[in-house]
Amino acid sequence: MSEIKDSDIKSRVSETIRSLPDDASWEEVMYRIYVRQKIENGLKDVAEGDTVSIAEVRERFGLCR
């Protein structure tokens, strides 16, 4: 997956802002943009195959099955 163009980012931010309630706070605006950025980064990682298996996560953190 390629990098997101600036114009795409602007339209996605606009879409996110339009979806907020009229009485949204600055904190809510910033949080929604932050969460969307993190989700899009995660989807990009998945598309590029930059993931870790559940078994590896369990091993790294010493978790049982």
C-alpha atoms as a PDB file:
ATOM      1  CA  MET A   1       0.000   0.000   0.000  1.00  0.00           C
ATOM      2  CA  SER A   2       1.389   3.417  -0.884  1.00  0.00           C
ATOM      3  CA  GLU A   3       1.650   6.465   1.305  1.00  0.00           C
ATOM      4  CA  ILE A   4      -1.519   8.509   1.697  1.00  0.00           C
ATOM      5  CA  LYS A   5      -1.447  11.736  -0.323  1.00  0.00           C
ATOM      6  CA  ASP A   6      -1.847  15.050   1.501  1.00  0.00           C
ATOM      7  CA  SER A   7      -5.139  15.719  -0.316  1.00  0.00           C
ATOM      8  CA  ASP A   8      -6.449  12.333   0.849  1.00  0.00           C
ATOM      9  CA  ILE A   9      -5.439  13.132   4.414  1.00  0.00           C
ATOM     10  CA  LYS A  10      -7.244  16.476   4.276  1.00  0.00           C
ATOM     11  CA  SER A  11     -10.424  14.833   2.993  1.00  0.00           C
ATOM     12  CA  ARG A  12     -10.230  12.118   5.670  1.00  0.00           C
ATOM     13  CA  VAL A  13      -9.774  14.716   8.408  1.00  0.00           C
ATOM     14  CA  SER A  14     -12.732  16.672   7.023  1.00  0.00           C
ATOM     15  CA  GLU A  15     -14.832  13.505   6.995  1.00  0.00           C
ATOM     16  CA  THR A  16     -13.825  12.748  10.578  1.00  0.00           C
ATOM     17  CA  ILE A  17     -14.699  16.259  11.732  1.00  0.00           C
ATOM     18  CA  ARG A  18     -18.079  16.186   9.957  1.00  0.00           C
ATOM     19  CA  SER A  19     -18.915  12.965  11.815  1.00  0.00           C
ATOM     20  CA  LEU A  20     -18.432  14.611  15.223  1.00  0.00           C
ATOM     21  CA  PRO A  21     -21.347  15.980  17.217  1.00  0.00           C
ATOM     22  CA  ASP A  22     -21.836  19.762  17.097  1.00  0.00           C
ATOM     23  CA  ASP A  23     -20.709  20.119  20.699  1.00  0.00           C
ATOM     24  CA  ALA A  24     -17.431  18.195  20.282  1.00  0.00           C
ATOM     25  CA  SER A  25     -14.456  19.443  22.258  1.00  0.00           C
ATOM     26  CA  TRP A  26     -10.944  20.032  20.941  1.00  0.00           C
ATOM     27  CA  GLU A  27      -9.854  16.952  22.879  1.00  0.00           C
ATOM     28  CA  GLU A  28     -12.431  14.806  21.090  1.00  0.00           C
ATOM     29  CA  VAL A  29     -11.366  16.176  17.695  1.00  0.00           C
ATOM     30  CA  MET A  30      -7.707  15.416  18.403  1.00  0.00           C
ATOM     31  CA  TYR A  31      -8.521  11.976  19.812  1.00  0.00           C
ATOM     32  CA  ARG A  32     -10.572  10.973  16.761  1.00  0.00           C
ATOM     33  CA  ILE A  33      -7.824  12.098  14.380  1.00  0.00           C
ATOM     34  CA  TYR A  34      -5.206  10.262  16.473  1.00  0.00           C
ATOM     35  CA  VAL A  35      -7.236   7.031  16.516  1.00  0.00           C
ATOM     36  CA  ARG A  36      -7.905   7.195  12.772  1.00  0.00           C
ATOM     37  CA  GLN A  37      -4.181   7.701  12.107  1.00  0.00           C
ATOM     38  CA  LYS A  38      -3.292   4.690  14.248  1.00  0.00           C
ATOM     39  CA  ILE A  39      -5.904   2.496  12.530  1.00  0.00           C
ATOM     40  CA  GLU A  40      -4.720   3.532   9.062  1.00  0.00           C
ATOM     41  CA  ASN A  41      -1.095   2.877  10.050  1.00  0.00           C
ATOM     42  CA  GLY A  42      -2.102  -0.576  11.301  1.00  0.00           C
ATOM     43  CA  LEU A  43      -3.956  -1.379   8.083  1.00  0.00           C
ATOM     44  CA  LYS A  44      -0.898  -0.286   6.104  1.00  0.00           C
ATOM     45  CA  ASP A  45       1.298  -2.606   8.197  1.00  0.00           C
ATOM     46  CA  VAL A  46      -1.070  -5.519   7.544  1.00  0.00           C
ATOM     47  CA  ALA A  47      -1.118  -4.813   3.805  1.00  0.00           C
ATOM     48  CA  GLU A  48       2.692  -4.783   3.783  1.00  0.00           C
ATOM     49  CA  GLY A  49       2.882  -8.007   5.791  1.00  0.00           C
ATOM     50  CA  ASP A  50       4.497  -6.257   8.742  1.00  0.00           C
ATOM     51  CA  THR A  51       2.729  -8.306  11.403  1.00  0.00           C
ATOM     52  CA  VAL A  52       3.526 -10.672  14.265  1.00  0.00           C
ATOM     53  CA  SER A  53       1.755 -13.984  14.819  1.00  0.00           C
ATOM     54  CA  ILE A  54      -0.271 -14.630  17.962  1.00  0.00           C
ATOM     55  CA  ALA A  55       2.162 -17.403  18.888  1.00  0.00           C
ATOM     56  CA  GLU A  56       5.085 -14.960  18.720  1.00  0.00           C
ATOM     57  CA  VAL A  57       3.249 -12.376  20.832  1.00  0.00           C
ATOM     58  CA  ARG A  58       2.482 -15.029  23.442  1.00  0.00           C
ATOM     59  CA  GLU A  59       6.108 -16.119  23.452  1.00  0.00           C
ATOM     60  CA  ARG A  60       7.431 -12.561  23.760  1.00  0.00           C
ATOM     61  CA  PHE A  61       5.146 -11.791  26.699  1.00  0.00           C
ATOM     62  CA  GLY A  62       5.327 -15.183  28.374  1.00  0.00           C
ATOM     63  CA  LEU A  63       1.629 -15.931  27.943  1.00  0.00           C
ATOM     64  CA  CYS A  64       0.169 -19.436  28.078  1.00  0.00           C
ATOM     65  CA  ARG A  65      -2.251 -20.757  25.534  1.00  0.00           C
END
